[in-house]
N, C-alpha and C. Protein backbone atom coordinates (compact mmCIF):
# COMPACT_ATOMS: atom_id res chain seq x y z
N MET A 1 55.04 -127.48 97.22
CA MET A 1 53.86 -126.71 96.87
C MET A 1 54.08 -126.06 95.51
N GLU A 2 53.19 -126.28 94.61
CA GLU A 2 53.27 -125.72 93.27
C GLU A 2 52.67 -124.32 93.26
N GLU A 3 53.43 -123.37 92.75
CA GLU A 3 52.96 -122.00 92.68
C GLU A 3 52.22 -121.79 91.37
N THR A 4 51.16 -121.01 91.42
CA THR A 4 50.41 -120.66 90.22
C THR A 4 50.71 -119.22 89.86
N VAL A 5 50.26 -118.81 88.69
CA VAL A 5 50.46 -117.44 88.25
C VAL A 5 49.81 -116.47 89.24
N LYS A 6 48.73 -116.88 89.89
CA LYS A 6 48.07 -116.03 90.89
C LYS A 6 48.99 -115.73 92.07
N ASP A 7 49.94 -116.63 92.32
CA ASP A 7 50.88 -116.48 93.43
C ASP A 7 52.11 -115.65 93.05
N MET A 8 52.12 -115.13 91.83
CA MET A 8 53.28 -114.43 91.31
C MET A 8 53.01 -112.94 91.16
N LEU A 9 54.10 -112.17 91.23
CA LEU A 9 54.03 -110.73 91.06
C LEU A 9 54.90 -110.30 89.89
N THR A 10 54.51 -109.20 89.24
CA THR A 10 55.37 -108.63 88.21
C THR A 10 56.55 -107.97 88.90
N LYS A 11 57.54 -107.60 88.12
CA LYS A 11 58.70 -106.91 88.67
C LYS A 11 58.28 -105.62 89.38
N GLU A 12 57.36 -104.90 88.77
CA GLU A 12 56.90 -103.64 89.35
C GLU A 12 56.15 -103.86 90.66
N GLN A 13 55.31 -104.87 90.69
CA GLN A 13 54.56 -105.19 91.91
C GLN A 13 55.50 -105.62 93.03
N ALA A 14 56.45 -106.49 92.69
CA ALA A 14 57.40 -106.99 93.69
C ALA A 14 58.25 -105.84 94.23
N ALA A 15 58.71 -104.96 93.36
CA ALA A 15 59.51 -103.81 93.79
C ALA A 15 58.69 -102.94 94.74
N GLY A 16 57.42 -102.74 94.42
CA GLY A 16 56.55 -101.97 95.29
C GLY A 16 56.38 -102.61 96.66
N GLU A 17 56.17 -103.93 96.69
CA GLU A 17 56.03 -104.65 97.96
C GLU A 17 57.30 -104.55 98.80
N LEU A 18 58.44 -104.57 98.12
CA LEU A 18 59.73 -104.51 98.80
C LEU A 18 60.18 -103.08 99.10
N ASN A 19 59.44 -102.10 98.57
CA ASN A 19 59.76 -100.69 98.74
C ASN A 19 61.15 -100.36 98.19
N ILE A 20 61.43 -100.90 97.01
CA ILE A 20 62.69 -100.64 96.30
C ILE A 20 62.34 -100.25 94.87
N SER A 21 63.30 -99.71 94.16
CA SER A 21 63.07 -99.37 92.76
C SER A 21 63.15 -100.63 91.90
N VAL A 22 62.57 -100.55 90.72
CA VAL A 22 62.65 -101.67 89.78
C VAL A 22 64.10 -101.90 89.38
N ALA A 23 64.88 -100.81 89.28
CA ALA A 23 66.30 -100.95 88.94
C ALA A 23 67.04 -101.76 90.00
N THR A 24 66.74 -101.52 91.27
CA THR A 24 67.36 -102.29 92.35
C THR A 24 66.94 -103.76 92.26
N LEU A 25 65.67 -103.99 91.97
CA LEU A 25 65.19 -105.37 91.83
C LEU A 25 65.92 -106.07 90.69
N TYR A 26 66.09 -105.39 89.56
CA TYR A 26 66.84 -105.97 88.44
C TYR A 26 68.26 -106.32 88.88
N ARG A 27 68.90 -105.44 89.65
CA ARG A 27 70.26 -105.70 90.11
C ARG A 27 70.30 -106.93 91.01
N TRP A 28 69.32 -107.03 91.92
CA TRP A 28 69.25 -108.18 92.82
C TRP A 28 69.04 -109.47 92.02
N ILE A 29 68.20 -109.41 90.98
CA ILE A 29 67.97 -110.58 90.13
C ILE A 29 69.29 -110.99 89.47
N LYS A 30 69.98 -110.01 88.90
CA LYS A 30 71.25 -110.28 88.22
C LYS A 30 72.30 -110.84 89.16
N GLU A 31 72.28 -110.37 90.42
CA GLU A 31 73.23 -110.85 91.42
C GLU A 31 72.83 -112.20 92.02
N GLY A 32 71.64 -112.69 91.66
CA GLY A 32 71.19 -113.98 92.16
C GLY A 32 70.52 -113.91 93.52
N LYS A 33 70.20 -112.71 94.01
CA LYS A 33 69.57 -112.55 95.32
C LYS A 33 68.07 -112.82 95.27
N VAL A 34 67.48 -112.75 94.07
CA VAL A 34 66.04 -112.93 93.92
C VAL A 34 65.79 -114.04 92.92
N ARG A 35 64.98 -115.01 93.32
CA ARG A 35 64.61 -116.11 92.43
C ARG A 35 63.40 -115.69 91.60
N THR A 36 63.45 -115.95 90.33
CA THR A 36 62.36 -115.57 89.42
C THR A 36 61.88 -116.79 88.65
N ARG A 37 60.74 -116.62 88.01
CA ARG A 37 60.20 -117.64 87.10
C ARG A 37 59.73 -116.95 85.83
N ARG A 38 59.74 -117.69 84.75
CA ARG A 38 59.21 -117.17 83.49
C ARG A 38 57.88 -117.85 83.20
N TYR A 39 56.88 -117.05 82.93
CA TYR A 39 55.56 -117.54 82.51
C TYR A 39 55.17 -116.77 81.26
N GLY A 40 55.00 -117.47 80.15
CA GLY A 40 54.60 -116.83 78.91
C GLY A 40 55.51 -115.69 78.51
N GLY A 41 56.80 -115.86 78.76
CA GLY A 41 57.77 -114.83 78.40
C GLY A 41 57.89 -113.71 79.41
N ARG A 42 57.08 -113.74 80.46
CA ARG A 42 57.12 -112.70 81.49
C ARG A 42 57.98 -113.17 82.67
N LEU A 43 58.77 -112.27 83.20
CA LEU A 43 59.59 -112.56 84.37
C LEU A 43 58.77 -112.22 85.60
N LEU A 44 58.51 -113.22 86.45
CA LEU A 44 57.67 -113.02 87.63
C LEU A 44 58.40 -113.46 88.89
N ILE A 45 57.97 -112.88 90.01
CA ILE A 45 58.55 -113.20 91.31
C ILE A 45 57.42 -113.70 92.21
N SER A 46 57.66 -114.81 92.90
CA SER A 46 56.60 -115.38 93.73
C SER A 46 56.40 -114.54 95.00
N ARG A 47 55.19 -114.59 95.51
CA ARG A 47 54.88 -113.91 96.78
C ARG A 47 55.73 -114.50 97.91
N VAL A 48 56.01 -115.80 97.83
CA VAL A 48 56.85 -116.46 98.83
C VAL A 48 58.26 -115.87 98.80
N GLU A 49 58.78 -115.62 97.61
CA GLU A 49 60.11 -115.03 97.46
C GLU A 49 60.12 -113.61 98.04
N VAL A 50 59.09 -112.84 97.78
CA VAL A 50 59.00 -111.48 98.33
C VAL A 50 58.97 -111.55 99.86
N ALA A 51 58.18 -112.47 100.41
CA ALA A 51 58.11 -112.63 101.86
C ALA A 51 59.48 -113.00 102.43
N ARG A 52 60.21 -113.87 101.74
CA ARG A 52 61.55 -114.26 102.17
C ARG A 52 62.47 -113.04 102.22
N LEU A 53 62.39 -112.21 101.20
CA LEU A 53 63.24 -111.01 101.14
C LEU A 53 62.85 -110.02 102.23
N LEU A 54 61.56 -109.89 102.50
CA LEU A 54 61.11 -108.97 103.55
C LEU A 54 61.58 -109.41 104.93
N LYS A 55 61.71 -110.73 105.12
CA LYS A 55 62.21 -111.26 106.39
C LYS A 55 63.72 -111.11 106.51
N GLY A 56 64.38 -110.78 105.39
CA GLY A 56 65.82 -110.61 105.42
C GLY A 56 66.59 -111.89 105.25
N GLU A 57 65.92 -112.95 104.78
CA GLU A 57 66.61 -114.23 104.56
C GLU A 57 67.37 -114.18 103.26
N SER A 58 68.48 -114.93 103.17
CA SER A 58 69.24 -114.97 101.93
C SER A 58 68.81 -116.07 101.03
């Protein structure tokens, strides 16, 4: 399934959905716990990835 920009969240939106700080999200990204994509120079996180994290999957 191909994800579109509509299916993506900004770092701030994703952190809000996950109820964590943006700093924690950055740390998770750096540690490889969160998969991201770049669109037009912006770092985005898919809604599917957020759902995976909310379920506690690695």
